[in-house]
Amino acid sequence: MATFTTGVMPVYDLDFAIGIKGESSADEDMKTIADMNNFSMNITSDSQEWYPMDAKGWRRLLVTAKAITISLAGKRNYGDEGNDYVAGLALKNGRYCCSKFKLTFPNGDKLEMKCVLKITNWLGGESTDIQPLEFDLESDGEPVFTEHAKA
């Protein structure tokens, strides 16, 4: 993928990869997941609120926790390492569903995190549909965000 540092970019310029050896995945085990056609990221925040006497009834608020959920939807592609790995977790539980995820932005920034995979759809549809593969990657601990070094 080319690195662009200015302008707007299409979503397909995001480069995402899953660790096909679970939590023990090394850099060479990070694989693209073929035939994904929908990507979304949701960041949720938890907060604590309080109403101290000195605030005269006005609320104080502080964000105290964060979580990231990345949702991917696409088609089941048999023989693709990333796609096969994700689909293979559909009926598994526990530590089998723990892995690593890396997202590289068009400008070279990187987001890396341990994650838990939750398969949401891997079979079904109309008779002429292509088999789906849809899942969520939920952050497991604090992610690492690395900004691309400016030239």
C-alpha atoms as a PDB file:
ATOM      1  CA  MET A   1       0.000   0.000   0.000  1.00  0.00           C
ATOM      2  CA  ALA A   2       1.257   3.478  -0.857  1.00  0.00           C
ATOM      3  CA  THR A   3       1.645   5.983   1.959  1.00  0.00           C
ATOM      4  CA  PHE A   4      -0.285   9.233   1.509  1.00  0.00           C
ATOM      5  CA  THR A   5       0.090  11.963   4.091  1.00  0.00           C
ATOM      6  CA  THR A   6      -2.576  14.417   2.922  1.00  0.00           C
ATOM      7  CA  GLY A   7      -6.045  14.392   1.413  1.00  0.00           C
ATOM      8  CA  VAL A   8      -9.041  12.121   1.760  1.00  0.00           C
ATOM      9  CA  MET A   9      -8.776   8.374   1.183  1.00  0.00           C
ATOM     10  CA  PRO A  10     -11.256   5.601   0.378  1.00  0.00           C
ATOM     11  CA  VAL A  11     -11.923   2.986   3.053  1.00  0.00           C
ATOM     12  CA  TYR A  12     -10.286   0.292   0.893  1.00  0.00           C
ATOM     13  CA  ASP A  13      -6.926   2.015   1.478  1.00  0.00           C
ATOM     14  CA  LEU A  14      -7.003   0.693   5.058  1.00  0.00           C
ATOM     15  CA  ASP A  15      -4.728  -2.325   5.402  1.00  0.00           C
ATOM     16  CA  PHE A  16      -5.956  -4.729   8.088  1.00  0.00           C
ATOM     17  CA  ALA A  17      -4.468  -8.048   9.152  1.00  0.00           C
ATOM     18  CA  ILE A  18      -5.300 -10.781  11.656  1.00  0.00           C
ATOM     19  CA  GLY A  19      -2.829 -13.012  13.486  1.00  0.00           C
ATOM     20  CA  ILE A  20      -3.593 -16.525  12.187  1.00  0.00           C
ATOM     21  CA  LYS A  21      -1.736 -18.132  15.107  1.00  0.00           C
ATOM     22  CA  GLY A  22      -3.848 -16.456  17.740  1.00  0.00           C
ATOM     23  CA  GLU A  23      -2.196 -14.536  20.557  1.00  0.00           C
ATOM     24  CA  SER A  24       1.216 -15.997  19.736  1.00  0.00           C
ATOM     25  CA  SER A  25       1.163 -14.582  16.178  1.00  0.00           C
ATOM     26  CA  ALA A  26       4.407 -12.972  15.015  1.00  0.00           C
ATOM     27  CA  ASP A  27       4.679 -10.370  12.228  1.00  0.00           C
ATOM     28  CA  GLU A  28       4.865 -13.093   9.544  1.00  0.00           C
ATOM     29  CA  ASP A  29       1.604 -14.578  10.884  1.00  0.00           C
ATOM     30  CA  MET A  30      -0.370 -11.377  10.250  1.00  0.00           C
ATOM     31  CA  LYS A  31      -2.581 -12.005   7.206  1.00  0.00           C
ATOM     32  CA  THR A  32      -5.101  -9.953   5.270  1.00  0.00           C
ATOM     33  CA  ILE A  33      -8.659 -11.306   5.325  1.00  0.00           C
ATOM     34  CA  ALA A  34      -9.777 -11.643   1.692  1.00  0.00           C
ATOM     35  CA  ASP A  35     -13.135 -10.481   0.388  1.00  0.00           C
ATOM     36  CA  MET A  36     -14.201  -8.223   3.234  1.00  0.00           C
ATOM     37  CA  ASN A  37     -16.370  -5.429   1.826  1.00  0.00           C
ATOM     38  CA  ASN A  38     -17.582  -3.560   4.906  1.00  0.00           C
ATOM     39  CA  PHE A  39     -15.452  -2.153   7.723  1.00  0.00           C
ATOM     40  CA  SER A  40     -16.491  -0.109  10.729  1.00  0.00           C
ATOM     41  CA  MET A  41     -14.861   0.903  13.991  1.00  0.00           C
ATOM     42  CA  ASN A  42     -16.693   1.837  17.166  1.00  0.00           C
ATOM     43  CA  ILE A  43     -14.981   3.345  20.202  1.00  0.00           C
ATOM     44  CA  THR A  44     -17.019   3.240  23.388  1.00  0.00           C
ATOM     45  CA  SER A  45     -16.232   5.126  26.562  1.00  0.00           C
ATOM     46  CA  ASP A  46     -17.311   4.533  30.133  1.00  0.00           C
ATOM     47  CA  SER A  47     -17.407   7.448  32.501  1.00  0.00           C
ATOM     48  CA  GLN A  48     -17.913   8.265  36.127  1.00  0.00           C
ATOM     49  CA  GLU A  49     -20.045  11.176  37.170  1.00  0.00           C
ATOM     50  CA  TRP A  50     -20.432  12.942  40.483  1.00  0.00           C
ATOM     51  CA  TYR A  51     -22.180  15.983  41.898  1.00  0.00           C
ATOM     52  CA  PRO A  52     -19.890  17.685  44.399  1.00  0.00           C
ATOM     53  CA  MET A  53     -21.260  20.213  46.857  1.00  0.00           C
ATOM     54  CA  ASP A  54     -18.913  22.947  45.625  1.00  0.00           C
ATOM     55  CA  ALA A  55     -20.294  22.607  42.072  1.00  0.00           C
ATOM     56  CA  LYS A  56     -23.694  23.826  43.280  1.00  0.00           C
ATOM     57  CA  GLY A  57     -25.596  20.928  41.747  1.00  0.00           C
ATOM     58  CA  TRP A  58     -23.675  20.799  38.481  1.00  0.00           C
ATOM     59  CA  ARG A  59     -22.340  17.468  37.334  1.00  0.00           C
ATOM     60  CA  ARG A  60     -18.664  16.598  37.050  1.00  0.00           C
ATOM     61  CA  LEU A  61     -17.687  13.867  34.583  1.00  0.00           C
ATOM     62  CA  LEU A  62     -14.550  11.936  33.691  1.00  0.00           C
ATOM     63  CA  VAL A  63     -13.975   9.273  31.033  1.00  0.00           C
ATOM     64  CA  THR A  64     -12.491   6.279  32.873  1.00  0.00           C
ATOM     65  CA  ALA A  65     -12.464   3.456  30.310  1.00  0.00           C
ATOM     66  CA  LYS A  66     -12.410   2.777  26.565  1.00  0.00           C
ATOM     67  CA  ALA A  67     -13.060  -0.170  24.266  1.00  0.00           C
ATOM     68  CA  ILE A  68     -12.733  -0.642  20.506  1.00  0.00           C
ATOM     69  CA  THR A  69     -14.940  -2.855  18.368  1.00  0.00           C
ATOM     70  CA  ILE A  70     -14.026  -3.358  14.726  1.00  0.00           C
ATOM     71  CA  SER A  71     -16.736  -4.979  12.608  1.00  0.00           C
ATOM     72  CA  LEU A  72     -15.932  -6.630   9.286  1.00  0.00           C
ATOM     73  CA  ALA A  73     -18.391  -8.127   6.839  1.00  0.00           C
ATOM     74  CA  GLY A  74     -17.766  -9.837   3.552  1.00  0.00           C
ATOM     75  CA  LYS A  75     -17.738 -13.158   1.807  1.00  0.00           C
ATOM     76  CA  ARG A  76     -16.378 -16.565   2.810  1.00  0.00           C
ATOM     77  CA  ASN A  77     -13.264 -17.277   0.740  1.00  0.00           C
ATOM     78  CA  TYR A  78     -12.054 -20.861   1.127  1.00  0.00           C
ATOM     79  CA  GLY A  79      -8.278 -21.178   0.825  1.00  0.00           C
ATOM     80  CA  ASP A  80      -7.402 -17.646   1.968  1.00  0.00           C
ATOM     81  CA  GLU A  81      -5.343 -17.891   5.187  1.00  0.00           C
ATOM     82  CA  GLY A  82      -6.979 -14.941   6.949  1.00  0.00           C
ATOM     83  CA  ASN A  83     -10.506 -15.825   5.872  1.00  0.00           C
ATOM     84  CA  ASP A  84     -10.037 -19.526   6.775  1.00  0.00           C
ATOM     85  CA  TYR A  85      -8.643 -18.616  10.210  1.00  0.00           C
ATOM     86  CA  VAL A  86     -11.578 -16.350  11.081  1.00  0.00           C
ATOM     87  CA  ALA A  87     -14.233 -18.769   9.771  1.00  0.00           C
ATOM     88  CA  GLY A  88     -12.572 -21.605  11.698  1.00  0.00           C
ATOM     89  CA  LEU A  89     -13.429 -19.834  14.970  1.00  0.00           C
ATOM     90  CA  ALA A  90     -17.197 -19.850  14.361  1.00  0.00           C
ATOM     91  CA  LEU A  91     -17.906 -22.731  16.761  1.00  0.00           C
ATOM     92  CA  LYS A  92     -14.956 -22.239  19.142  1.00  0.00           C
ATOM     93  CA  ASN A  93     -14.876 -20.645  22.582  1.00  0.00           C
ATOM     94  CA  GLY A  94     -12.379 -19.453  25.139  1.00  0.00           C
ATOM     95  CA  ARG A  95      -8.743 -18.718  24.304  1.00  0.00           C
ATOM     96  CA  TYR A  96      -9.197 -20.067  20.756  1.00  0.00           C
ATOM     97  CA  CYS A  97     -10.981 -16.802  19.936  1.00  0.00           C
ATOM     98  CA  CYS A  98      -8.113 -14.568  21.120  1.00  0.00           C
ATOM     99  CA  SER A  99      -5.726 -13.115  18.559  1.00  0.00           C
ATOM    100  CA  LYS A 100      -3.932  -9.973  17.381  1.00  0.00           C
ATOM    101  CA  PHE A 101      -5.073  -7.372  14.881  1.00  0.00           C
ATOM    102  CA  LYS A 102      -3.162  -4.688  12.975  1.00  0.00           C
ATOM    103  CA  LEU A 103      -4.660  -1.780  11.082  1.00  0.00           C
ATOM    104  CA  THR A 104      -2.445   0.421   8.889  1.00  0.00           C
ATOM    105  CA  PHE A 105      -3.891   3.742   7.771  1.00  0.00           C
ATOM    106  CA  PRO A 106      -3.142   5.297   4.347  1.00  0.00           C
ATOM    107  CA  ASN A 107      -0.795   7.828   5.997  1.00  0.00           C
ATOM    108  CA  GLY A 108       1.264   5.038   7.617  1.00  0.00           C
ATOM    109  CA  ASP A 109      -0.203   5.285  11.148  1.00  0.00           C
ATOM    110  CA  LYS A 110      -0.729   1.880  12.795  1.00  0.00           C
ATOM    111  CA  LEU A 111      -3.206   0.572  15.354  1.00  0.00           C
ATOM    112  CA  GLU A 112      -2.301  -2.793  16.892  1.00  0.00           C
ATOM    113  CA  MET A 113      -4.238  -4.646  19.550  1.00  0.00           C
ATOM    114  CA  LYS A 114      -4.936  -7.961  21.153  1.00  0.00           C
ATOM    115  CA  CYS A 115      -8.490  -8.891  20.318  1.00  0.00           C
ATOM    116  CA  VAL A 116     -11.302 -11.351  20.821  1.00  0.00           C
ATOM    117  CA  LEU A 117     -13.051 -12.516  17.638  1.00  0.00           C
ATOM    118  CA  LYS A 118     -16.803 -12.958  17.700  1.00  0.00           C
ATOM    119  CA  ILE A 119     -18.248 -14.517  14.544  1.00  0.00           C
ATOM    120  CA  THR A 120     -21.705 -13.068  13.885  1.00  0.00           C
ATOM    121  CA  ASN A 121     -22.586 -14.702  10.528  1.00  0.00           C
ATOM    122  CA  TRP A 122     -20.890 -17.463   8.521  1.00  0.00           C
ATOM    123  CA  LEU A 123     -23.741 -19.332   6.793  1.00  0.00           C
ATOM    124  CA  GLY A 124     -27.027 -18.616   5.108  1.00  0.00           C
ATOM    125  CA  GLY A 125     -28.771 -16.306   2.698  1.00  0.00           C
ATOM    126  CA  GLU A 126     -30.759 -16.640  -0.490  1.00  0.00           C
ATOM    127  CA  SER A 127     -29.904 -19.577  -2.753  1.00  0.00           C
ATOM    128  CA  THR A 128     -28.018 -17.296  -5.157  1.00  0.00           C
ATOM    129  CA  ASP A 129     -26.127 -15.408  -2.442  1.00  0.00           C
ATOM    130  CA  ILE A 130     -22.462 -15.924  -1.701  1.00  0.00           C
ATOM    131  CA  GLN A 131     -21.706 -17.426   1.709  1.00  0.00           C
ATOM    132  CA  PRO A 132     -21.164 -14.591   4.217  1.00  0.00           C
ATOM    133  CA  LEU A 133     -18.406 -14.080   6.767  1.00  0.00           C
ATOM    134  CA  GLU A 134     -19.122 -11.384   9.347  1.00  0.00           C
ATOM    135  CA  PHE A 135     -17.425 -10.823  12.683  1.00  0.00           C
ATOM    136  CA  ASP A 136     -16.433  -8.359  15.387  1.00  0.00           C
ATOM    137  CA  LEU A 137     -12.927  -7.836  16.745  1.00  0.00           C
ATOM    138  CA  GLU A 138     -13.135  -6.485  20.289  1.00  0.00           C
ATOM    139  CA  SER A 139     -10.117  -4.952  21.984  1.00  0.00           C
ATOM    140  CA  ASP A 140      -8.562  -7.002  24.785  1.00  0.00           C
ATOM    141  CA  GLY A 141      -6.475  -4.529  26.745  1.00  0.00           C
ATOM    142  CA  GLU A 142      -4.952  -1.249  25.638  1.00  0.00           C
ATOM    143  CA  PRO A 143      -4.181  -0.934  21.915  1.00  0.00           C
ATOM    144  CA  VAL A 144      -0.914   0.501  20.625  1.00  0.00           C
ATOM    145  CA  PHE A 145      -1.206   3.447  18.230  1.00  0.00           C
ATOM    146  CA  THR A 146       1.945   4.426  16.343  1.00  0.00           C
ATOM    147  CA  GLU A 147       2.070   7.580  14.267  1.00  0.00           C
ATOM    148  CA  HIS A 148       3.910   7.412  10.965  1.00  0.00           C
ATOM    149  CA  ALA A 149       7.207   9.256  11.125  1.00  0.00           C
ATOM    150  CA  LYS A 150       7.009  12.507   9.183  1.00  0.00           C
ATOM    151  CA  ALA A 151       9.697  12.929   6.515  1.00  0.00           C
END
